[in-house]
C-alpha atoms as a PDB file:
ATOM      1  CA  MET A   1      34.923  14.463 -29.548  1.00  0.00           C
ATOM      2  CA  ASN A   2      33.991  16.605 -32.533  1.00  0.00           C
ATOM      3  CA  ASN A   3      35.324  14.043 -35.024  1.00  0.00           C
ATOM      4  CA  THR A   4      33.430  11.241 -33.289  1.00  0.00           C
ATOM      5  CA  CYS A   5      30.143  13.115 -33.263  1.00  0.00           C
ATOM      6  CA  GLU A   6      30.515  14.273 -36.862  1.00  0.00           C
ATOM      7  CA  SER A   7      30.974  10.676 -38.010  1.00  0.00           C
ATOM      8  CA  PHE A   8      27.247  10.040 -37.568  1.00  0.00           C
ATOM      9  CA  ASP A   9      25.167  10.289 -40.733  1.00  0.00           C
ATOM     10  CA  SER A  10      22.055  11.489 -38.936  1.00  0.00           C
ATOM     11  CA  ILE A  11      21.857  15.026 -37.607  1.00  0.00           C
ATOM     12  CA  VAL A  12      19.819  13.684 -34.681  1.00  0.00           C
ATOM     13  CA  TYR A  13      22.596  11.359 -33.536  1.00  0.00           C
ATOM     14  CA  THR A  14      25.102  14.158 -33.992  1.00  0.00           C
ATOM     15  CA  PHE A  15      22.990  16.449 -31.804  1.00  0.00           C
ATOM     16  CA  TYR A  16      22.686  13.908 -29.005  1.00  0.00           C
ATOM     17  CA  CYS A  17      26.376  13.040 -29.235  1.00  0.00           C
ATOM     18  CA  GLU A  18      27.359  16.668 -28.773  1.00  0.00           C
ATOM     19  CA  LEU A  19      24.783  16.959 -25.991  1.00  0.00           C
ATOM     20  CA  ALA A  20      26.249  13.981 -24.149  1.00  0.00           C
ATOM     21  CA  PHE A  21      29.907  14.973 -24.520  1.00  0.00           C
ATOM     22  CA  VAL A  22      29.604  18.752 -24.324  1.00  0.00           C
ATOM     23  CA  VAL A  23      31.673  18.782 -21.113  1.00  0.00           C
ATOM     24  CA  TYR A  24      34.685  17.595 -23.131  1.00  0.00           C
ATOM     25  CA  SER A  25      34.294  20.129 -25.910  1.00  0.00           C
ATOM     26  CA  PRO A  26      36.973  22.844 -25.991  1.00  0.00           C
ATOM     27  CA  ASN A  27      34.371  25.300 -27.279  1.00  0.00           C
ATOM     28  CA  ALA A  28      31.913  24.680 -24.458  1.00  0.00           C
ATOM     29  CA  THR A  29      31.373  27.510 -21.995  1.00  0.00           C
ATOM     30  CA  SER A  30      31.110  27.050 -18.252  1.00  0.00           C
ATOM     31  CA  ARG A  31      27.332  27.396 -18.548  1.00  0.00           C
ATOM     32  CA  ASP A  32      27.208  24.654 -21.207  1.00  0.00           C
ATOM     33  CA  LYS A  33      29.223  22.309 -19.020  1.00  0.00           C
ATOM     34  CA  TYR A  34      27.034  23.058 -15.994  1.00  0.00           C
ATOM     35  CA  ASP A  35      23.834  22.442 -17.968  1.00  0.00           C
ATOM     36  CA  ALA A  36      25.229  19.168 -19.304  1.00  0.00           C
ATOM     37  CA  MET A  37      26.221  17.870 -15.886  1.00  0.00           C
ATOM     38  CA  ILE A  38      23.074  19.004 -14.092  1.00  0.00           C
ATOM     39  CA  SER A  39      20.918  17.490 -16.835  1.00  0.00           C
ATOM     40  CA  ASN A  40      22.268  14.061 -15.901  1.00  0.00           C
ATOM     41  CA  SER A  41      21.452  14.508 -12.218  1.00  0.00           C
ATOM     42  CA  LEU A  42      18.364  13.046 -10.600  1.00  0.00           C
ATOM     43  CA  PHE A  43      17.178  16.429  -9.352  1.00  0.00           C
ATOM     44  CA  ARG A  44      18.148  19.912 -10.539  1.00  0.00           C
ATOM     45  CA  MET A  45      18.663  21.762  -7.268  1.00  0.00           C
ATOM     46  CA  ILE A  46      18.437  25.376  -8.351  1.00  0.00           C
ATOM     47  CA  PRO A  47      19.094  27.995  -5.644  1.00  0.00           C
ATOM     48  CA  GLY A  48      15.445  29.037  -5.344  1.00  0.00           C
ATOM     49  CA  VAL A  49      14.238  25.502  -4.672  1.00  0.00           C
ATOM     50  CA  GLY A  50      17.131  24.938  -2.284  1.00  0.00           C
ATOM     51  CA  TYR A  51      16.152  27.995  -0.235  1.00  0.00           C
ATOM     52  CA  ILE A  52      12.512  26.871  -0.144  1.00  0.00           C
ATOM     53  CA  MET A  53      13.418  23.384   1.050  1.00  0.00           C
ATOM     54  CA  LEU A  54      15.801  24.762   3.674  1.00  0.00           C
ATOM     55  CA  GLY A  55      13.071  27.119   4.872  1.00  0.00           C
ATOM     56  CA  LEU A  56      10.558  24.268   5.092  1.00  0.00           C
ATOM     57  CA  LEU A  57      13.034  22.198   7.095  1.00  0.00           C
ATOM     58  CA  VAL A  58      13.566  25.023   9.586  1.00  0.00           C
ATOM     59  CA  ILE A  59       9.815  25.718   9.853  1.00  0.00           C
ATOM     60  CA  GLY A  60       9.072  22.028  10.367  1.00  0.00           C
ATOM     61  CA  CYS A  61      11.618  21.682  13.166  1.00  0.00           C
ATOM     62  CA  PHE A  62      10.347  24.861  14.833  1.00  0.00           C
ATOM     63  CA  LEU A  63       6.683  23.799  14.654  1.00  0.00           C
ATOM     64  CA  ASN A  64       7.474  20.388  16.101  1.00  0.00           C
ATOM     65  CA  TRP A  65       9.390  21.972  18.969  1.00  0.00           C
ATOM     66  CA  PHE A  66       6.760  24.669  19.563  1.00  0.00           C
ATOM     67  CA  ILE A  67       3.785  22.285  19.653  1.00  0.00           C
ATOM     68  CA  HIS A  68       5.458  20.004  22.177  1.00  0.00           C
ATOM     69  CA  ARG A  69       6.605  22.910  24.333  1.00  0.00           C
ATOM     70  CA  SER A  70       3.533  25.097  24.137  1.00  0.00           C
ATOM     71  CA  LYS A  71       0.696  24.801  26.667  1.00  0.00           C
ATOM     72  CA  HIS A  72      -1.813  25.973  24.060  1.00  0.00           C
ATOM     73  CA  PHE A  73      -1.706  22.604  22.271  1.00  0.00           C
ATOM     74  CA  LYS A  74      -3.242  20.040  24.603  1.00  0.00           C
ATOM     75  CA  HIS A  75      -3.312  17.377  21.910  1.00  0.00           C
ATOM     76  CA  LYS A  76       0.222  16.740  20.720  1.00  0.00           C
ATOM     77  CA  SER A  77      -1.161  15.052  17.596  1.00  0.00           C
ATOM     78  CA  TRP A  78      -1.024  18.531  16.077  1.00  0.00           C
ATOM     79  CA  ALA A  79       2.694  17.849  15.633  1.00  0.00           C
ATOM     80  CA  SER A  80       1.881  14.962  13.270  1.00  0.00           C
ATOM     81  CA  LEU A  81      -0.382  17.248  11.261  1.00  0.00           C
ATOM     82  CA  ALA A  82       2.398  19.848  11.056  1.00  0.00           C
ATOM     83  CA  VAL A  83       4.861  17.203   9.846  1.00  0.00           C
ATOM     84  CA  PHE A  84       2.295  16.012   7.300  1.00  0.00           C
ATOM     85  CA  MET A  85       1.878  19.526   5.890  1.00  0.00           C
ATOM     86  CA  ILE A  86       5.651  20.061   5.722  1.00  0.00           C
ATOM     87  CA  TYR A  87       6.118  16.837   3.732  1.00  0.00           C
ATOM     88  CA  ILE A  88       3.278  17.872   1.424  1.00  0.00           C
ATOM     89  CA  CYS A  89       5.035  21.201   0.842  1.00  0.00           C
ATOM     90  CA  PHE A  90       8.275  19.333   0.132  1.00  0.00           C
ATOM     91  CA  ALA A  91       6.488  17.217  -2.471  1.00  0.00           C
ATOM     92  CA  VAL A  92       4.921  20.275  -4.118  1.00  0.00           C
ATOM     93  CA  ALA A  93       8.257  22.127  -4.230  1.00  0.00           C
ATOM     94  CA  ILE A  94      10.165  19.185  -5.692  1.00  0.00           C
ATOM     95  CA  SER A  95       7.503  18.131  -8.213  1.00  0.00           C
ATOM     96  CA  THR A  96       6.832  21.634  -9.512  1.00  0.00           C
ATOM     97  CA  SER A  97      10.554  22.260  -9.758  1.00  0.00           C
ATOM     98  CA  ILE A  98      11.030  19.145 -11.890  1.00  0.00           C
ATOM     99  CA  MET A  99       8.032  19.672 -14.149  1.00  0.00           C
ATOM    100  CA  ILE A 100       7.896  23.479 -14.421  1.00  0.00           C
ATOM    101  CA  PHE A 101      10.805  25.548 -13.138  1.00  0.00           C
ATOM    102  CA  THR A 102      13.778  23.358 -14.111  1.00  0.00           C
ATOM    103  CA  LYS A 103      12.240  21.473 -17.035  1.00  0.00           C
ATOM    104  CA  LEU A 104      14.529  21.842 -20.026  1.00  0.00           C
ATOM    105  CA  ASP A 105      13.576  21.929 -23.702  1.00  0.00           C
ATOM    106  CA  ASP A 106      11.648  19.169 -25.476  1.00  0.00           C
ATOM    107  CA  MET A 107      14.895  17.496 -26.582  1.00  0.00           C
ATOM    108  CA  ARG A 108      15.606  16.496 -22.969  1.00  0.00           C
ATOM    109  CA  ILE A 109      14.023  13.641 -21.044  1.00  0.00           C
ATOM    110  CA  GLN A 110      15.242  14.464 -17.555  1.00  0.00           C
ATOM    111  CA  TRP A 111      11.761  15.006 -16.105  1.00  0.00           C
ATOM    112  CA  ALA A 112      10.712  11.461 -17.008  1.00  0.00           C
ATOM    113  CA  TYR A 113      13.421   9.714 -14.992  1.00  0.00           C
ATOM    114  CA  SER A 114      13.536  12.348 -12.246  1.00  0.00           C
ATOM    115  CA  ILE A 115      10.032  12.740 -10.822  1.00  0.00           C
ATOM    116  CA  GLY A 116       9.434   9.017 -10.261  1.00  0.00           C
ATOM    117  CA  PRO A 117      12.555   8.262  -8.175  1.00  0.00           C
ATOM    118  CA  MET A 118      12.192  11.545  -6.292  1.00  0.00           C
ATOM    119  CA  THR A 119       8.615  10.594  -5.371  1.00  0.00           C
ATOM    120  CA  MET A 120       9.787   7.194  -4.106  1.00  0.00           C
ATOM    121  CA  LEU A 121      12.616   8.838  -2.172  1.00  0.00           C
ATOM    122  CA  GLN A 122      10.149  11.147  -0.413  1.00  0.00           C
ATOM    123  CA  GLY A 123       7.869   8.195   0.296  1.00  0.00           C
ATOM    124  CA  THR A 124      10.761   6.382   1.949  1.00  0.00           C
ATOM    125  CA  LEU A 125      11.488   9.401   4.149  1.00  0.00           C
ATOM    126  CA  VAL A 126       7.815   9.632   5.119  1.00  0.00           C
ATOM    127  CA  LEU A 127       7.705   5.938   6.028  1.00  0.00           C
ATOM    128  CA  TYR A 128      10.905   5.753   8.085  1.00  0.00           C
ATOM    129  CA  PHE A 129      11.537   9.231   9.451  1.00  0.00           C
ATOM    130  CA  SER A 130       8.281  11.223   9.640  1.00  0.00           C
ATOM    131  CA  GLY A 131       6.519   9.203  12.331  1.00  0.00           C
ATOM    132  CA  LEU A 132       3.171   9.814  10.638  1.00  0.00           C
ATOM    133  CA  PRO A 133       0.271   7.540  11.572  1.00  0.00           C
ATOM    134  CA  PHE A 134      -1.294   5.295   8.966  1.00  0.00           C
ATOM    135  CA  LEU A 135      -4.137   7.649   8.011  1.00  0.00           C
ATOM    136  CA  LEU A 136      -1.861  10.625   7.383  1.00  0.00           C
ATOM    137  CA  SER A 137       0.595   8.422   5.506  1.00  0.00           C
ATOM    138  CA  LEU A 138      -2.250   7.216   3.276  1.00  0.00           C
ATOM    139  CA  LEU A 139      -3.442  10.786   2.690  1.00  0.00           C
ATOM    140  CA  TRP A 140       0.121  11.836   1.851  1.00  0.00           C
ATOM    141  CA  TRP A 141       0.420   9.175  -0.854  1.00  0.00           C
ATOM    142  CA  ILE A 142      -3.011  10.054  -2.278  1.00  0.00           C
ATOM    143  CA  ALA A 143      -2.068  13.741  -2.458  1.00  0.00           C
ATOM    144  CA  VAL A 144       1.371  13.058  -3.919  1.00  0.00           C
ATOM    145  CA  MET A 145       0.081  10.639  -6.555  1.00  0.00           C
ATOM    146  CA  GLY A 146      -2.560  13.198  -7.525  1.00  0.00           C
ATOM    147  CA  LEU A 147       0.206  15.776  -7.858  1.00  0.00           C
ATOM    148  CA  TYR A 148       2.327  13.269  -9.795  1.00  0.00           C
ATOM    149  CA  TYR A 149      -0.327  12.510 -12.406  1.00  0.00           C
ATOM    150  CA  GLY A 150      -1.605  16.075 -12.495  1.00  0.00           C
ATOM    151  CA  LEU A 151       1.812  17.444 -13.458  1.00  0.00           C
ATOM    152  CA  THR A 152       3.109  14.664 -15.700  1.00  0.00           C
ATOM    153  CA  LEU A 153       0.116  13.617 -17.815  1.00  0.00           C
ATOM    154  CA  PRO A 154      -0.414  17.048 -19.459  1.00  0.00           C
ATOM    155  CA  VAL A 155       3.287  17.192 -20.380  1.00  0.00           C
ATOM    156  CA  LEU A 156       3.222  13.622 -21.657  1.00  0.00           C
ATOM    157  CA  ILE A 157       0.123  14.169 -23.800  1.00  0.00           C
ATOM    158  CA  SER A 158       1.288  17.471 -25.260  1.00  0.00           C
ATOM    159  CA  SER A 159       4.719  16.061 -26.111  1.00  0.00           C
ATOM    160  CA  GLN A 160       3.261  13.338 -28.337  1.00  0.00           C
ATOM    161  CA  SER A 161       2.419  15.902 -31.008  1.00  0.00           C
ATOM    162  CA  ILE A 162       6.065  16.923 -31.483  1.00  0.00           C
ATOM    163  CA  ILE A 163       7.466  13.429 -32.066  1.00  0.00           C
ATOM    164  CA  SER A 164       9.268  13.354 -35.408  1.00  0.00           C
ATOM    165  CA  VAL A 165      12.344  11.954 -37.101  1.00  0.00           C
ATOM    166  CA  SER A 166      14.424  14.830 -35.766  1.00  0.00           C
ATOM    167  CA  ASN A 167      12.902  14.769 -32.277  1.00  0.00           C
ATOM    168  CA  PHE A 168      12.228  11.370 -30.753  1.00  0.00           C
ATOM    169  CA  ALA A 169      12.993  12.458 -27.184  1.00  0.00           C
ATOM    170  CA  PRO A 170       9.280  12.450 -26.191  1.00  0.00           C
ATOM    171  CA  LEU A 171       9.077   8.817 -27.308  1.00  0.00           C
ATOM    172  CA  ILE A 172      11.977   7.883 -25.015  1.00  0.00           C
ATOM    173  CA  ALA A 173      10.461   9.956 -22.215  1.00  0.00           C
ATOM    174  CA  THR A 174       7.139   8.134 -22.609  1.00  0.00           C
ATOM    175  CA  GLN A 175       8.801   4.734 -22.334  1.00  0.00           C
ATOM    176  CA  ILE A 176      10.750   5.758 -19.228  1.00  0.00           C
ATOM    177  CA  TYR A 177       7.685   7.405 -17.686  1.00  0.00           C
ATOM    178  CA  ILE A 178       5.443   4.372 -18.079  1.00  0.00           C
ATOM    179  CA  GLY A 179       7.986   2.029 -16.510  1.00  0.00           C
ATOM    180  CA  LEU A 180       8.699   4.334 -13.571  1.00  0.00           C
ATOM    181  CA  THR A 181       5.005   5.123 -13.034  1.00  0.00           C
ATOM    182  CA  VAL A 182       4.241   1.430 -12.585  1.00  0.00           C
ATOM    183  CA  LEU A 183       7.153   1.204 -10.143  1.00  0.00           C
ATOM    184  CA  VAL A 184       6.034   4.302  -8.214  1.00  0.00           C
ATOM    185  CA  THR A 185       2.475   2.991  -7.937  1.00  0.00           C
ATOM    186  CA  TRP A 186       3.619  -0.378  -6.609  1.00  0.00           C
ATOM    187  CA  TYR A 187       6.079   1.279  -4.254  1.00  0.00           C
ATOM    188  CA  GLY A 188       3.381   3.584  -2.908  1.00  0.00           C
ATOM    189  CA  GLY A 189       1.154   0.590  -2.222  1.00  0.00           C
ATOM    190  CA  LEU A 190       3.978  -1.163  -0.393  1.00  0.00           C
ATOM    191  CA  CYS A 191       4.707   1.930   1.718  1.00  0.00           C
ATOM    192  CA  VAL A 192       1.051   2.321   2.673  1.00  0.00           C
ATOM    193  CA  THR A 193       0.831  -1.379   3.547  1.00  0.00           C
ATOM    194  CA  ALA A 194       3.997  -1.132   5.635  1.00  0.00           C
ATOM    195  CA  SER A 195       2.581   1.906   7.422  1.00  0.00           C
ATOM    196  CA  TYR A 196      -0.620  -0.029   8.189  1.00  0.00           C
ATOM    197  CA  PHE A 197       1.220  -3.001   9.694  1.00  0.00           C
ATOM    198  CA  ASN A 198       3.475  -0.626  11.598  1.00  0.00           C
ATOM    199  CA  ALA A 199       0.396   1.031  13.117  1.00  0.00           C
ATOM    200  CA  ILE A 200      -0.982  -2.368  14.186  1.00  0.00           C
ATOM    201  CA  THR A 201       2.369  -3.286  15.756  1.00  0.00           C
ATOM    202  CA  ASN A 202       2.524   0.002  17.664  1.00  0.00           C
ATOM    203  CA  ARG A 203      -1.005  -0.513  19.017  1.00  0.00           C
ATOM    204  CA  LYS A 204      -0.144  -4.012  20.184  1.00  0.00           C
ATOM    205  CA  ARG A 205       2.967  -2.719  21.936  1.00  0.00           C
ATOM    206  CA  PHE A 206       0.933   0.029  23.600  1.00  0.00           C
ATOM    207  CA  LEU A 207      -1.657  -2.450  24.861  1.00  0.00           C
ATOM    208  CA  GLN A 208       1.086  -4.748  26.143  1.00  0.00           C
ATOM    209  CA  ARG A 209       2.622  -1.885  28.121  1.00  0.00           C
ATOM    210  CA  ILE A 210      -0.781  -0.991  29.618  1.00  0.00           C
ATOM    211  CA  LEU A 211      -1.348  -4.596  30.658  1.00  0.00           C
ATOM    212  CA  MET A 212       2.121  -4.793  32.198  1.00  0.00           C
ATOM    213  CA  LEU A 213       1.522  -1.588  34.185  1.00  0.00           C
ATOM    214  CA  GLN A 214      -1.844  -2.861  35.413  1.00  0.00           C
ATOM    215  CA  GLN A 215      -0.297  -6.156  36.526  1.00  0.00           C
ATOM    216  CA  GLN A 216       2.460  -4.325  38.401  1.00  0.00           C
ATOM    217  CA  ASN A 217      -0.093  -2.186  40.222  1.00  0.00           C
END
């Protein structure tokens, strides 16, 4: 590995070669190998974020159970609001972790290809597993896209000033970010549209059941 990386004439290529193959280096420590492997993952699940997400999952399940069991909540739609808030908290925890707490140095581009797919993954969970009505689903996407642009654009703009011959990582990150942002925006629109048609279908099914019950009576 060392001989291969040292064969490059440019110090930049040598740096990225060693960065990519650090897990095979005999001089690499366990921490170096961990950082190299986790840097290639879609999401850096540090213990703190893991505990927060586990806590949110437990709280969400408890609130859903409590609202449906409790006599104090006459309108069970409060459960949808609780689920909405839990998914918002999930989005905040994941996005801030990617852009702030686990963001590596300026020579890494992990944040660019991480936050987009993670946003789409959360959107898929909201669409298929949350049971949120159309309005809350729309509000979730508006809030998440605001969080997405609010966290990424400042980093993207500030990184343009450090682009140089020895550091072209921000240029690669910009290219990846633009492509994934277009994809995330389109995907969000598709999810909202799917949620809208799903709401119409559910209303039609509800009306059909009411009509069937009336005819039986």
